[in-house]
């Protein structure tokens, strides 16, 4: 695609023409027009700032980490989370949700540590939570 064709595409898009009409006028594939327009008009979905792509690097989706985190927190319901598992902590007995690992044993790092420290004290009730009513997570 020549520089003149690129300028014509920009002009025709500003006039409101679609990909098919532009492809017919210029004699270029519709997919070529669409991919050029997508590459040219990459914007941050959070703030709308133009994205500057670095050649031979992965395509950017956000202008900064701040925008990326803000957008994902605001749109967390759009995530397709299928691997949620209900588990019970072997130390405190609390029910918690584990994402992606159905074999998780502890609800937190602190319960894991408390369980490791208490193993030497009582091997009979190992992990049942029976002797740990006063333990807090």
C-alpha atoms as a PDB file:
ATOM      1  CA  UNK A   1       0.000   0.000   0.000  1.00  0.00           C
ATOM      2  CA  UNK A   2       1.419   3.360  -1.004  1.00  0.00           C
ATOM      3  CA  UNK A   3       1.482   6.539   1.045  1.00  0.00           C
ATOM      4  CA  UNK A   4      -1.048   8.085  -1.360  1.00  0.00           C
ATOM      5  CA  UNK A   5      -3.477   5.195  -0.763  1.00  0.00           C
ATOM      6  CA  UNK A   6      -3.094   5.593   2.999  1.00  0.00           C
ATOM      7  CA  UNK A   7      -3.943   9.291   2.728  1.00  0.00           C
ATOM      8  CA  UNK A   8      -6.972   8.453   0.538  1.00  0.00           C
ATOM      9  CA  UNK A   9      -8.163   5.903   3.111  1.00  0.00           C
ATOM     10  CA  UNK A  10      -7.894   8.517   5.871  1.00  0.00           C
ATOM     11  CA  UNK A  11      -9.824  11.053   3.786  1.00  0.00           C
ATOM     12  CA  UNK A  12     -12.551   8.568   2.805  1.00  0.00           C
ATOM     13  CA  UNK A  13     -12.947   7.393   6.423  1.00  0.00           C
ATOM     14  CA  UNK A  14     -13.314  11.003   7.595  1.00  0.00           C
ATOM     15  CA  UNK A  15     -16.096  11.389   5.010  1.00  0.00           C
ATOM     16  CA  UNK A  16     -17.890   8.436   6.613  1.00  0.00           C
ATOM     17  CA  UNK A  17     -17.237   5.733   3.995  1.00  0.00           C
ATOM     18  CA  UNK A  18     -17.115   2.092   5.074  1.00  0.00           C
ATOM     19  CA  UNK A  19     -14.400  -0.501   4.457  1.00  0.00           C
ATOM     20  CA  UNK A  20     -16.187  -2.093   1.464  1.00  0.00           C
ATOM     21  CA  UNK A  21     -16.732   1.194  -0.328  1.00  0.00           C
ATOM     22  CA  UNK A  22     -13.113   2.294   0.235  1.00  0.00           C
ATOM     23  CA  UNK A  23     -11.846  -1.101  -0.972  1.00  0.00           C
ATOM     24  CA  UNK A  24     -13.946  -0.753  -4.145  1.00  0.00           C
ATOM     25  CA  UNK A  25     -12.689   2.764  -4.832  1.00  0.00           C
ATOM     26  CA  UNK A  26      -9.008   1.932  -4.305  1.00  0.00           C
ATOM     27  CA  UNK A  27      -9.057  -1.630  -5.663  1.00  0.00           C
ATOM     28  CA  UNK A  28      -7.596  -3.032  -2.431  1.00  0.00           C
ATOM     29  CA  UNK A  29      -8.822  -5.920  -0.258  1.00  0.00           C
ATOM     30  CA  UNK A  30     -11.409  -5.108   2.433  1.00  0.00           C
ATOM     31  CA  UNK A  31      -9.204  -6.844   5.014  1.00  0.00           C
ATOM     32  CA  UNK A  32      -6.276  -4.604   4.065  1.00  0.00           C
ATOM     33  CA  UNK A  33      -8.406  -1.502   4.627  1.00  0.00           C
ATOM     34  CA  UNK A  34      -9.741  -2.836   7.934  1.00  0.00           C
ATOM     35  CA  UNK A  35      -6.317  -3.791   9.297  1.00  0.00           C
ATOM     36  CA  UNK A  36      -4.839  -0.421   8.284  1.00  0.00           C
ATOM     37  CA  UNK A  37      -7.668   1.435  10.035  1.00  0.00           C
ATOM     38  CA  UNK A  38      -7.349  -0.701  13.167  1.00  0.00           C
ATOM     39  CA  UNK A  39      -3.606  -0.138  13.383  1.00  0.00           C
ATOM     40  CA  UNK A  40      -3.913   3.559  12.741  1.00  0.00           C
ATOM     41  CA  UNK A  41      -6.670   4.213  15.258  1.00  0.00           C
ATOM     42  CA  UNK A  42      -5.429   2.271  18.282  1.00  0.00           C
ATOM     43  CA  UNK A  43      -6.620   4.087  21.402  1.00  0.00           C
ATOM     44  CA  UNK A  44      -6.577   3.313  25.106  1.00  0.00           C
ATOM     45  CA  UNK A  45      -9.984   1.891  26.147  1.00  0.00           C
ATOM     46  CA  UNK A  46      -9.731   3.677  29.506  1.00  0.00           C
ATOM     47  CA  UNK A  47      -8.784   7.264  28.668  1.00  0.00           C
ATOM     48  CA  UNK A  48      -8.975   7.369  24.861  1.00  0.00           C
ATOM     49  CA  UNK A  49      -5.352   8.451  24.393  1.00  0.00           C
ATOM     50  CA  UNK A  50      -3.647   7.409  21.170  1.00  0.00           C
ATOM     51  CA  UNK A  51      -1.384   4.382  21.544  1.00  0.00           C
ATOM     52  CA  UNK A  52       2.102   4.505  20.082  1.00  0.00           C
ATOM     53  CA  UNK A  53       3.060   1.034  18.853  1.00  0.00           C
ATOM     54  CA  UNK A  54       6.676  -0.100  18.950  1.00  0.00           C
ATOM     55  CA  UNK A  55       7.669  -2.090  15.850  1.00  0.00           C
ATOM     56  CA  UNK A  56       8.295  -5.819  16.414  1.00  0.00           C
ATOM     57  CA  UNK A  57       6.747  -5.687  19.897  1.00  0.00           C
ATOM     58  CA  UNK A  58       3.444  -6.961  21.220  1.00  0.00           C
ATOM     59  CA  UNK A  59       0.446  -4.790  20.395  1.00  0.00           C
ATOM     60  CA  UNK A  60      -0.417  -2.376  23.218  1.00  0.00           C
ATOM     61  CA  UNK A  61      -3.930  -2.279  24.626  1.00  0.00           C
ATOM     62  CA  UNK A  62      -3.517   0.470  27.241  1.00  0.00           C
ATOM     63  CA  UNK A  63      -1.420   3.644  27.399  1.00  0.00           C
ATOM     64  CA  UNK A  64      -0.132   2.970  30.937  1.00  0.00           C
ATOM     65  CA  UNK A  65      -0.334   0.563  33.865  1.00  0.00           C
ATOM     66  CA  UNK A  66      -2.551   3.043  35.704  1.00  0.00           C
ATOM     67  CA  UNK A  67      -5.104   2.964  32.866  1.00  0.00           C
ATOM     68  CA  UNK A  68      -4.840  -0.824  32.571  1.00  0.00           C
ATOM     69  CA  UNK A  69      -5.588  -1.375  36.273  1.00  0.00           C
ATOM     70  CA  UNK A  70      -8.339   1.247  36.347  1.00  0.00           C
ATOM     71  CA  UNK A  71     -10.073  -0.320  33.331  1.00  0.00           C
ATOM     72  CA  UNK A  72      -9.830  -3.914  34.636  1.00  0.00           C
ATOM     73  CA  UNK A  73     -11.155  -2.935  38.089  1.00  0.00           C
ATOM     74  CA  UNK A  74     -14.073  -1.075  36.487  1.00  0.00           C
ATOM     75  CA  UNK A  75     -14.840  -3.945  34.065  1.00  0.00           C
ATOM     76  CA  UNK A  76     -14.077  -6.985  36.195  1.00  0.00           C
ATOM     77  CA  UNK A  77     -17.550  -8.417  35.481  1.00  0.00           C
ATOM     78  CA  UNK A  78     -16.567  -8.790  31.815  1.00  0.00           C
ATOM     79  CA  UNK A  79     -13.889 -11.330  32.720  1.00  0.00           C
ATOM     80  CA  UNK A  80     -14.797 -14.898  31.907  1.00  0.00           C
ATOM     81  CA  UNK A  81     -13.860 -16.576  35.183  1.00  0.00           C
ATOM     82  CA  UNK A  82     -14.893 -20.208  34.980  1.00  0.00           C
ATOM     83  CA  UNK A  83     -12.372 -21.871  37.292  1.00  0.00           C
ATOM     84  CA  UNK A  84     -13.712 -20.783  40.705  1.00  0.00           C
ATOM     85  CA  UNK A  85     -13.626 -23.477  43.372  1.00  0.00           C
ATOM     86  CA  UNK A  86     -15.090 -23.407  46.900  1.00  0.00           C
ATOM     87  CA  UNK A  87     -12.514 -24.735  49.356  1.00  0.00           C
ATOM     88  CA  UNK A  88     -12.290 -25.056  53.142  1.00  0.00           C
ATOM     89  CA  UNK A  89      -9.161 -23.934  54.961  1.00  0.00           C
ATOM     90  CA  UNK A  90      -7.539 -26.863  56.754  1.00  0.00           C
ATOM     91  CA  UNK A  91      -6.331 -24.575  59.527  1.00  0.00           C
ATOM     92  CA  UNK A  92      -9.198 -22.237  60.423  1.00  0.00           C
ATOM     93  CA  UNK A  93     -12.112 -24.000  58.693  1.00  0.00           C
ATOM     94  CA  UNK A  94     -13.156 -20.874  56.775  1.00  0.00           C
ATOM     95  CA  UNK A  95     -14.748 -21.421  53.340  1.00  0.00           C
ATOM     96  CA  UNK A  96     -12.945 -19.464  50.594  1.00  0.00           C
ATOM     97  CA  UNK A  97     -12.973 -19.240  46.801  1.00  0.00           C
ATOM     98  CA  UNK A  98      -9.888 -20.382  44.928  1.00  0.00           C
ATOM     99  CA  UNK A  99      -9.429 -19.383  41.292  1.00  0.00           C
ATOM    100  CA  UNK A 100      -7.743 -21.981  39.087  1.00  0.00           C
ATOM    101  CA  UNK A 101      -6.555 -24.365  41.821  1.00  0.00           C
ATOM    102  CA  UNK A 102      -9.104 -26.778  43.269  1.00  0.00           C
ATOM    103  CA  UNK A 103      -6.491 -28.424  45.524  1.00  0.00           C
ATOM    104  CA  UNK A 104      -5.674 -25.335  47.598  1.00  0.00           C
ATOM    105  CA  UNK A 105      -5.553 -26.146  51.321  1.00  0.00           C
ATOM    106  CA  UNK A 106      -5.280 -22.809  53.119  1.00  0.00           C
ATOM    107  CA  UNK A 107      -7.216 -19.556  52.802  1.00  0.00           C
ATOM    108  CA  UNK A 108      -4.169 -17.367  53.355  1.00  0.00           C
ATOM    109  CA  UNK A 109      -0.431 -17.316  53.759  1.00  0.00           C
ATOM    110  CA  UNK A 110      -0.833 -16.707  57.495  1.00  0.00           C
ATOM    111  CA  UNK A 111      -2.974 -19.856  57.947  1.00  0.00           C
ATOM    112  CA  UNK A 112      -0.358 -21.841  56.065  1.00  0.00           C
ATOM    113  CA  UNK A 113       2.386 -20.480  58.350  1.00  0.00           C
ATOM    114  CA  UNK A 114       0.383 -21.101  61.529  1.00  0.00           C
ATOM    115  CA  UNK A 115      -0.328 -24.645  60.367  1.00  0.00           C
ATOM    116  CA  UNK A 116       3.382 -25.276  59.737  1.00  0.00           C
ATOM    117  CA  UNK A 117       4.334 -23.934  63.191  1.00  0.00           C
ATOM    118  CA  UNK A 118       1.651 -25.951  64.982  1.00  0.00           C
ATOM    119  CA  UNK A 119       2.522 -29.307  63.382  1.00  0.00           C
ATOM    120  CA  UNK A 120       5.114 -30.105  66.047  1.00  0.00           C
ATOM    121  CA  UNK A 121       2.629 -29.473  68.879  1.00  0.00           C
ATOM    122  CA  UNK A 122      -0.217 -31.782  67.852  1.00  0.00           C
ATOM    123  CA  UNK A 123       0.073 -34.452  65.154  1.00  0.00           C
ATOM    124  CA  UNK A 124      -3.229 -36.160  66.045  1.00  0.00           C
ATOM    125  CA  UNK A 125      -5.506 -33.414  64.770  1.00  0.00           C
ATOM    126  CA  UNK A 126      -3.307 -32.388  61.877  1.00  0.00           C
ATOM    127  CA  UNK A 127      -5.108 -29.786  59.792  1.00  0.00           C
ATOM    128  CA  UNK A 128      -8.649 -30.434  61.089  1.00  0.00           C
ATOM    129  CA  UNK A 129      -8.898 -27.081  62.844  1.00  0.00           C
ATOM    130  CA  UNK A 130     -10.294 -28.698  66.037  1.00  0.00           C
ATOM    131  CA  UNK A 131      -7.591 -27.274  68.367  1.00  0.00           C
ATOM    132  CA  UNK A 132      -7.529 -23.845  66.797  1.00  0.00           C
ATOM    133  CA  UNK A 133     -10.828 -22.194  67.800  1.00  0.00           C
ATOM    134  CA  UNK A 134      -9.039 -19.065  69.040  1.00  0.00           C
ATOM    135  CA  UNK A 135      -6.764 -18.755  66.003  1.00  0.00           C
ATOM    136  CA  UNK A 136      -7.533 -15.772  63.797  1.00  0.00           C
ATOM    137  CA  UNK A 137      -6.739 -15.514  60.095  1.00  0.00           C
END
